[in-house]
N, C-alpha and C. Protein backbone atom coordinates (compact mmCIF):
# COMPACT_ATOMS: atom_id res chain seq x y z
N MET A 1 -12.29 88.06 125.14
CA MET A 1 -13.62 87.78 125.59
C MET A 1 -13.55 87.28 127.01
N GLU A 2 -14.38 87.86 127.87
CA GLU A 2 -14.45 87.40 129.29
C GLU A 2 -15.10 86.05 129.32
N PRO A 3 -14.70 85.20 130.26
CA PRO A 3 -15.29 83.87 130.39
C PRO A 3 -16.70 83.88 130.98
N ARG A 4 -17.69 84.11 130.12
CA ARG A 4 -19.09 84.28 130.61
C ARG A 4 -20.03 83.85 129.53
N ILE A 5 -21.02 83.06 129.89
CA ILE A 5 -22.17 82.85 129.06
C ILE A 5 -23.34 83.51 129.76
N SER A 6 -23.93 84.49 129.11
CA SER A 6 -24.99 85.27 129.70
C SER A 6 -26.30 84.59 129.60
N ILE A 7 -26.60 84.04 128.43
CA ILE A 7 -27.90 83.46 128.14
C ILE A 7 -27.73 82.18 127.30
N ILE A 8 -28.49 81.16 127.61
CA ILE A 8 -28.59 79.99 126.73
C ILE A 8 -30.02 80.09 126.21
N THR A 9 -30.17 80.26 124.87
CA THR A 9 -31.42 80.36 124.20
C THR A 9 -31.79 79.08 123.50
N LEU A 10 -32.90 78.56 123.82
CA LEU A 10 -33.47 77.36 123.14
C LEU A 10 -34.51 77.79 122.16
N GLY A 11 -34.30 77.38 120.89
CA GLY A 11 -35.34 77.62 119.87
C GLY A 11 -36.41 76.59 120.00
N VAL A 12 -37.67 77.02 120.25
CA VAL A 12 -38.75 76.10 120.51
C VAL A 12 -39.87 76.24 119.48
N THR A 13 -40.63 75.15 119.27
CA THR A 13 -41.69 75.21 118.31
C THR A 13 -43.08 75.55 119.00
N ASP A 14 -43.18 75.33 120.31
CA ASP A 14 -44.38 75.64 121.00
C ASP A 14 -44.00 76.39 122.31
N LEU A 15 -43.97 77.73 122.21
CA LEU A 15 -43.50 78.57 123.28
C LEU A 15 -44.38 78.38 124.57
N PRO A 16 -45.70 78.48 124.48
CA PRO A 16 -46.49 78.28 125.71
C PRO A 16 -46.24 76.93 126.41
N ARG A 17 -46.16 75.87 125.62
CA ARG A 17 -45.87 74.56 126.18
C ARG A 17 -44.52 74.51 126.87
N SER A 18 -43.51 75.15 126.23
CA SER A 18 -42.19 75.14 126.82
C SER A 18 -42.11 75.98 128.08
N ILE A 19 -42.79 77.13 128.05
CA ILE A 19 -42.86 77.93 129.31
C ILE A 19 -43.48 77.10 130.43
N GLU A 20 -44.57 76.46 130.13
CA GLU A 20 -45.24 75.69 131.16
C GLU A 20 -44.30 74.59 131.71
N PHE A 21 -43.56 73.94 130.81
CA PHE A 21 -42.61 72.92 131.20
C PHE A 21 -41.56 73.45 132.17
N TYR A 22 -40.90 74.52 131.77
CA TYR A 22 -39.78 75.04 132.56
C TYR A 22 -40.30 75.74 133.86
N ARG A 23 -41.39 76.52 133.72
CA ARG A 23 -41.97 77.24 134.89
C ARG A 23 -42.65 76.33 135.85
N ASP A 24 -43.64 75.57 135.34
CA ASP A 24 -44.51 74.81 136.21
C ASP A 24 -43.93 73.43 136.48
N GLY A 25 -43.34 72.80 135.43
CA GLY A 25 -42.81 71.45 135.55
C GLY A 25 -41.52 71.39 136.33
N LEU A 26 -40.58 72.26 135.98
CA LEU A 26 -39.26 72.26 136.65
C LEU A 26 -39.12 73.29 137.74
N GLY A 27 -40.08 74.21 137.80
CA GLY A 27 -40.04 75.24 138.86
C GLY A 27 -39.03 76.33 138.69
N LEU A 28 -38.61 76.57 137.39
CA LEU A 28 -37.68 77.68 137.19
C LEU A 28 -38.42 78.99 137.26
N PRO A 29 -37.72 79.99 137.83
CA PRO A 29 -38.37 81.32 137.98
C PRO A 29 -38.45 82.13 136.75
N LEU A 30 -39.65 82.33 136.23
CA LEU A 30 -39.89 83.15 135.04
C LEU A 30 -39.70 84.62 135.46
N GLN A 31 -39.00 85.38 134.63
CA GLN A 31 -38.79 86.79 134.88
C GLN A 31 -40.12 87.50 134.87
N ASP A 32 -40.41 88.25 135.90
CA ASP A 32 -41.65 88.98 135.95
C ASP A 32 -41.67 90.11 134.90
N GLY A 33 -42.87 90.37 134.42
CA GLY A 33 -43.05 91.49 133.53
C GLY A 33 -42.70 91.25 132.06
N GLU A 34 -42.25 90.02 131.74
CA GLU A 34 -41.85 89.74 130.41
C GLU A 34 -43.05 89.51 129.51
N ASP A 35 -42.93 89.87 128.26
CA ASP A 35 -43.98 89.56 127.27
C ASP A 35 -43.76 88.12 126.83
N THR A 36 -44.41 87.19 127.51
CA THR A 36 -44.19 85.77 127.22
C THR A 36 -44.93 85.34 125.94
N GLU A 37 -45.51 86.27 125.18
CA GLU A 37 -46.08 85.98 123.89
C GLU A 37 -44.95 85.73 122.86
N SER A 38 -43.77 86.34 123.06
CA SER A 38 -42.71 86.25 122.07
C SER A 38 -41.38 85.66 122.59
N ILE A 39 -41.15 85.73 123.90
CA ILE A 39 -39.94 85.22 124.49
C ILE A 39 -40.12 85.05 125.99
N ALA A 40 -39.37 84.14 126.57
CA ALA A 40 -39.42 83.94 127.97
C ALA A 40 -37.97 83.88 128.53
N PHE A 41 -37.76 84.50 129.66
CA PHE A 41 -36.48 84.46 130.34
C PHE A 41 -36.64 83.86 131.72
N PHE A 42 -35.79 82.93 132.07
CA PHE A 42 -35.72 82.36 133.39
C PHE A 42 -34.38 82.68 134.01
N GLU A 43 -34.40 83.33 135.19
CA GLU A 43 -33.16 83.74 135.81
C GLU A 43 -32.62 82.56 136.62
N LEU A 44 -31.46 82.07 136.26
CA LEU A 44 -30.83 80.98 136.94
C LEU A 44 -29.60 81.52 137.68
N LYS A 45 -29.00 80.67 138.48
CA LYS A 45 -27.78 81.06 139.18
C LYS A 45 -26.62 81.13 138.18
N GLY A 46 -26.13 82.33 137.94
CA GLY A 46 -24.96 82.53 137.07
C GLY A 46 -25.28 82.73 135.57
N THR A 47 -26.49 82.48 135.14
CA THR A 47 -26.85 82.62 133.73
C THR A 47 -28.41 82.76 133.58
N TRP A 48 -28.81 82.94 132.41
CA TRP A 48 -30.28 82.98 132.07
C TRP A 48 -30.54 81.88 131.05
N LEU A 49 -31.77 81.39 131.14
CA LEU A 49 -32.29 80.46 130.13
C LEU A 49 -33.36 81.23 129.38
N ALA A 50 -33.34 81.29 128.08
CA ALA A 50 -34.33 81.97 127.29
C ALA A 50 -35.00 80.97 126.36
N LEU A 51 -36.31 81.12 126.18
CA LEU A 51 -37.08 80.34 125.18
C LEU A 51 -37.61 81.30 124.15
N TYR A 52 -37.38 80.96 122.89
CA TYR A 52 -37.71 81.87 121.78
C TYR A 52 -38.18 81.00 120.59
N PRO A 53 -39.18 81.43 119.92
CA PRO A 53 -39.63 80.60 118.76
C PRO A 53 -38.47 80.27 117.85
N ARG A 54 -38.39 78.97 117.49
CA ARG A 54 -37.26 78.49 116.64
C ARG A 54 -37.10 79.25 115.33
N ASP A 55 -38.21 79.46 114.64
CA ASP A 55 -38.11 80.18 113.37
C ASP A 55 -37.58 81.58 113.57
N ALA A 56 -38.07 82.30 114.60
CA ALA A 56 -37.64 83.66 114.84
C ALA A 56 -36.16 83.68 115.27
N LEU A 57 -35.71 82.67 116.03
CA LEU A 57 -34.27 82.64 116.41
C LEU A 57 -33.38 82.43 115.21
N ALA A 58 -33.78 81.54 114.34
CA ALA A 58 -33.04 81.29 113.08
C ALA A 58 -33.04 82.58 112.26
N ASP A 59 -34.18 83.23 112.14
CA ASP A 59 -34.27 84.48 111.36
C ASP A 59 -33.36 85.54 111.93
N ASP A 60 -33.33 85.66 113.30
CA ASP A 60 -32.46 86.66 113.95
C ASP A 60 -30.99 86.42 113.60
N ALA A 61 -30.57 85.15 113.57
CA ALA A 61 -29.16 84.81 113.25
C ALA A 61 -28.93 84.81 111.74
N GLN A 62 -29.99 84.95 110.96
CA GLN A 62 -29.93 84.91 109.53
C GLN A 62 -29.37 83.60 108.99
N VAL A 63 -29.86 82.48 109.53
CA VAL A 63 -29.51 81.13 109.06
C VAL A 63 -30.78 80.38 108.75
N PRO A 64 -30.69 79.35 107.90
CA PRO A 64 -31.88 78.53 107.59
C PRO A 64 -32.43 77.85 108.87
N THR A 65 -33.75 77.77 108.93
CA THR A 65 -34.39 77.12 110.10
C THR A 65 -34.09 75.63 110.11
N GLU A 66 -34.05 75.01 108.97
CA GLU A 66 -33.91 73.54 108.90
C GLU A 66 -32.54 73.21 108.31
N GLY A 67 -32.11 71.99 108.43
CA GLY A 67 -30.87 71.55 107.83
C GLY A 67 -29.67 71.84 108.77
N SER A 68 -28.51 71.89 108.18
CA SER A 68 -27.28 72.01 108.94
C SER A 68 -27.01 73.45 109.41
N GLY A 69 -27.79 74.42 108.96
CA GLY A 69 -27.52 75.78 109.29
C GLY A 69 -27.94 76.21 110.67
N PHE A 70 -28.89 75.44 111.36
CA PHE A 70 -29.38 75.87 112.64
C PHE A 70 -29.74 74.69 113.51
N SER A 71 -29.12 74.62 114.67
CA SER A 71 -29.39 73.52 115.55
C SER A 71 -30.52 73.78 116.57
N GLY A 72 -31.00 74.97 116.63
CA GLY A 72 -32.05 75.27 117.62
C GLY A 72 -31.54 75.83 118.87
N VAL A 73 -30.27 76.06 119.01
CA VAL A 73 -29.65 76.54 120.22
C VAL A 73 -28.65 77.64 119.90
N THR A 74 -28.66 78.72 120.65
CA THR A 74 -27.56 79.73 120.55
C THR A 74 -27.04 80.01 121.91
N LEU A 75 -25.78 80.35 122.02
CA LEU A 75 -25.21 80.81 123.26
C LEU A 75 -25.09 82.31 123.15
N ALA A 76 -25.21 83.03 124.25
CA ALA A 76 -25.14 84.51 124.20
C ALA A 76 -24.10 85.00 125.15
N HIS A 77 -23.38 86.00 124.70
CA HIS A 77 -22.40 86.70 125.54
C HIS A 77 -22.80 88.16 125.48
N ASN A 78 -23.30 88.67 126.60
CA ASN A 78 -23.65 90.08 126.66
C ASN A 78 -22.48 90.97 127.05
N CYS A 79 -22.40 92.09 126.46
CA CYS A 79 -21.32 93.06 126.67
C CYS A 79 -21.84 94.32 127.33
N ARG A 80 -20.92 95.11 127.87
CA ARG A 80 -21.27 96.32 128.55
C ARG A 80 -21.58 97.49 127.57
N THR A 81 -20.99 97.40 126.35
CA THR A 81 -21.17 98.48 125.40
C THR A 81 -21.27 97.96 123.97
N ARG A 82 -21.79 98.79 123.10
CA ARG A 82 -21.84 98.43 121.68
C ARG A 82 -20.46 98.19 121.14
N GLU A 83 -19.47 99.02 121.53
CA GLU A 83 -18.09 98.86 121.07
C GLU A 83 -17.50 97.54 121.48
N GLU A 84 -17.85 97.04 122.68
CA GLU A 84 -17.33 95.77 123.12
C GLU A 84 -17.90 94.66 122.26
N VAL A 85 -19.15 94.79 121.78
CA VAL A 85 -19.73 93.78 120.88
C VAL A 85 -18.84 93.60 119.67
N ASP A 86 -18.50 94.75 119.04
CA ASP A 86 -17.66 94.71 117.84
C ASP A 86 -16.29 94.05 118.15
N ALA A 87 -15.73 94.44 119.28
CA ALA A 87 -14.40 93.89 119.69
C ALA A 87 -14.47 92.39 119.89
N VAL A 88 -15.48 91.90 120.57
CA VAL A 88 -15.61 90.47 120.81
C VAL A 88 -15.84 89.68 119.53
N LEU A 89 -16.66 90.24 118.61
CA LEU A 89 -16.83 89.59 117.32
C LEU A 89 -15.52 89.55 116.56
N ASP A 90 -14.74 90.63 116.56
CA ASP A 90 -13.47 90.60 115.88
C ASP A 90 -12.52 89.60 116.53
N GLU A 91 -12.50 89.51 117.85
CA GLU A 91 -11.68 88.57 118.55
C GLU A 91 -12.04 87.11 118.16
N ALA A 92 -13.34 86.84 118.09
CA ALA A 92 -13.78 85.51 117.75
C ALA A 92 -13.35 85.14 116.34
N VAL A 93 -13.53 86.05 115.39
CA VAL A 93 -13.15 85.80 114.03
C VAL A 93 -11.63 85.57 113.90
N THR A 94 -10.87 86.38 114.61
CA THR A 94 -9.45 86.25 114.62
C THR A 94 -9.03 84.85 115.16
N ALA A 95 -9.81 84.38 116.13
CA ALA A 95 -9.55 83.08 116.71
C ALA A 95 -9.97 81.86 115.87
N GLY A 96 -10.63 82.16 114.77
CA GLY A 96 -11.08 81.07 113.90
C GLY A 96 -12.56 80.87 113.71
N ALA A 97 -13.35 81.80 114.34
CA ALA A 97 -14.80 81.67 114.17
C ALA A 97 -15.22 82.25 112.82
N THR A 98 -16.40 81.98 112.39
CA THR A 98 -17.01 82.51 111.19
C THR A 98 -18.02 83.56 111.60
N LEU A 99 -17.87 84.77 111.03
CA LEU A 99 -18.88 85.82 111.27
C LEU A 99 -20.14 85.42 110.53
N VAL A 100 -21.21 85.21 111.25
CA VAL A 100 -22.50 84.81 110.61
C VAL A 100 -23.36 86.02 110.33
N LYS A 101 -23.38 86.95 111.26
CA LYS A 101 -24.17 88.17 111.14
C LYS A 101 -23.41 89.31 111.78
N ALA A 102 -23.05 90.32 111.00
CA ALA A 102 -22.32 91.50 111.56
C ALA A 102 -23.24 92.20 112.56
N ALA A 103 -22.69 92.82 113.59
CA ALA A 103 -23.44 93.46 114.60
C ALA A 103 -24.27 94.62 114.00
N GLU A 104 -25.45 94.73 114.50
CA GLU A 104 -26.37 95.79 114.00
C GLU A 104 -27.38 96.10 115.12
N ASP A 105 -28.00 97.29 114.95
CA ASP A 105 -29.11 97.63 115.88
C ASP A 105 -30.23 96.65 115.60
N VAL A 106 -30.82 96.16 116.73
CA VAL A 106 -31.86 95.16 116.60
C VAL A 106 -33.21 95.69 117.17
N PHE A 107 -34.27 95.02 116.81
CA PHE A 107 -35.64 95.46 117.07
C PHE A 107 -35.94 95.62 118.55
N TRP A 108 -35.22 94.88 119.43
CA TRP A 108 -35.54 94.98 120.88
C TRP A 108 -34.77 96.09 121.59
N GLY A 109 -34.08 96.92 120.80
CA GLY A 109 -33.38 98.04 121.37
C GLY A 109 -31.93 97.93 121.65
N GLY A 110 -31.37 96.76 121.34
CA GLY A 110 -29.94 96.53 121.61
C GLY A 110 -29.14 96.55 120.32
N TYR A 111 -27.99 95.86 120.39
CA TYR A 111 -27.05 95.82 119.29
C TYR A 111 -26.42 94.43 119.36
N SER A 112 -26.52 93.67 118.29
CA SER A 112 -25.98 92.31 118.38
C SER A 112 -25.53 91.75 117.01
N GLY A 113 -24.69 90.73 117.05
CA GLY A 113 -24.24 90.03 115.93
C GLY A 113 -24.01 88.60 116.33
N TYR A 114 -23.70 87.74 115.37
CA TYR A 114 -23.51 86.31 115.59
C TYR A 114 -22.22 85.82 114.97
N PHE A 115 -21.59 84.87 115.64
CA PHE A 115 -20.51 84.09 115.07
C PHE A 115 -20.74 82.65 115.31
N ALA A 116 -20.14 81.82 114.46
CA ALA A 116 -20.19 80.36 114.64
C ALA A 116 -18.81 79.88 115.00
N ASP A 117 -18.72 79.08 116.05
CA ASP A 117 -17.43 78.55 116.46
C ASP A 117 -16.98 77.50 115.44
N PRO A 118 -15.78 76.96 115.53
CA PRO A 118 -15.31 76.04 114.53
C PRO A 118 -16.18 74.79 114.30
N GLU A 119 -16.98 74.44 115.29
CA GLU A 119 -17.94 73.29 115.15
C GLU A 119 -19.31 73.73 114.65
N GLY A 120 -19.46 75.05 114.43
CA GLY A 120 -20.76 75.52 113.90
C GLY A 120 -21.79 75.98 114.95
N HIS A 121 -21.38 75.96 116.25
CA HIS A 121 -22.27 76.41 117.30
C HIS A 121 -22.38 77.94 117.25
N LEU A 122 -23.60 78.42 117.27
CA LEU A 122 -23.85 79.84 117.15
C LEU A 122 -23.75 80.57 118.48
N TRP A 123 -23.07 81.70 118.47
CA TRP A 123 -22.96 82.60 119.59
C TRP A 123 -23.52 83.97 119.21
N GLU A 124 -24.40 84.46 119.98
CA GLU A 124 -24.86 85.86 119.84
C GLU A 124 -23.99 86.73 120.76
N VAL A 125 -23.48 87.79 120.23
CA VAL A 125 -22.72 88.77 121.03
C VAL A 125 -23.53 90.05 121.01
N ALA A 126 -24.00 90.49 122.22
CA ALA A 126 -24.93 91.57 122.25
C ALA A 126 -24.69 92.55 123.36
N TRP A 127 -25.08 93.79 123.08
CA TRP A 127 -25.26 94.80 124.11
C TRP A 127 -26.76 94.95 124.30
N ASN A 128 -27.23 94.77 125.51
CA ASN A 128 -28.63 94.90 125.84
C ASN A 128 -28.77 96.06 126.82
N PRO A 129 -29.49 97.12 126.47
CA PRO A 129 -29.59 98.26 127.42
C PRO A 129 -30.37 97.89 128.63
N TYR A 130 -31.02 96.70 128.70
CA TYR A 130 -31.83 96.33 129.86
C TYR A 130 -31.10 95.36 130.80
N PHE A 131 -29.91 94.87 130.36
CA PHE A 131 -29.13 93.95 131.18
C PHE A 131 -27.94 94.78 131.71
N HIS A 132 -27.63 94.55 132.94
CA HIS A 132 -26.47 95.24 133.53
C HIS A 132 -25.39 94.19 133.83
N ILE A 133 -24.24 94.36 133.20
CA ILE A 133 -23.09 93.44 133.37
C ILE A 133 -22.14 94.06 134.34
N GLU A 134 -21.76 93.32 135.34
CA GLU A 134 -20.80 93.84 136.30
C GLU A 134 -19.38 93.57 135.90
């Protein structure tokens, strides 16, 4: 796995309020053209910050919304290809991670899966046809 965090996603309970806080309160640049009804992306130096409804984020990772299964935060590692997603997930599991969700085609047009590190922190490993990784 290359040393890169592509996106930090915060699971939020009030998306419009959170967008207002990060965009208007902190002055982070909201990505133009995004459907902020369901998700928001802020382009930062070296990474992205995403805001996504907490329930939907837990559902995407296929973990319970409440309790010890979901902390409200996921880390994302974007790959150049679908095949690289599978390879990174395999590498993580070999290193001691738990496969939480096998990679699959997802509703937004990409391909992703999730693993939990030994402390239970969730990582999404994804190929996104709209992101270009150098």
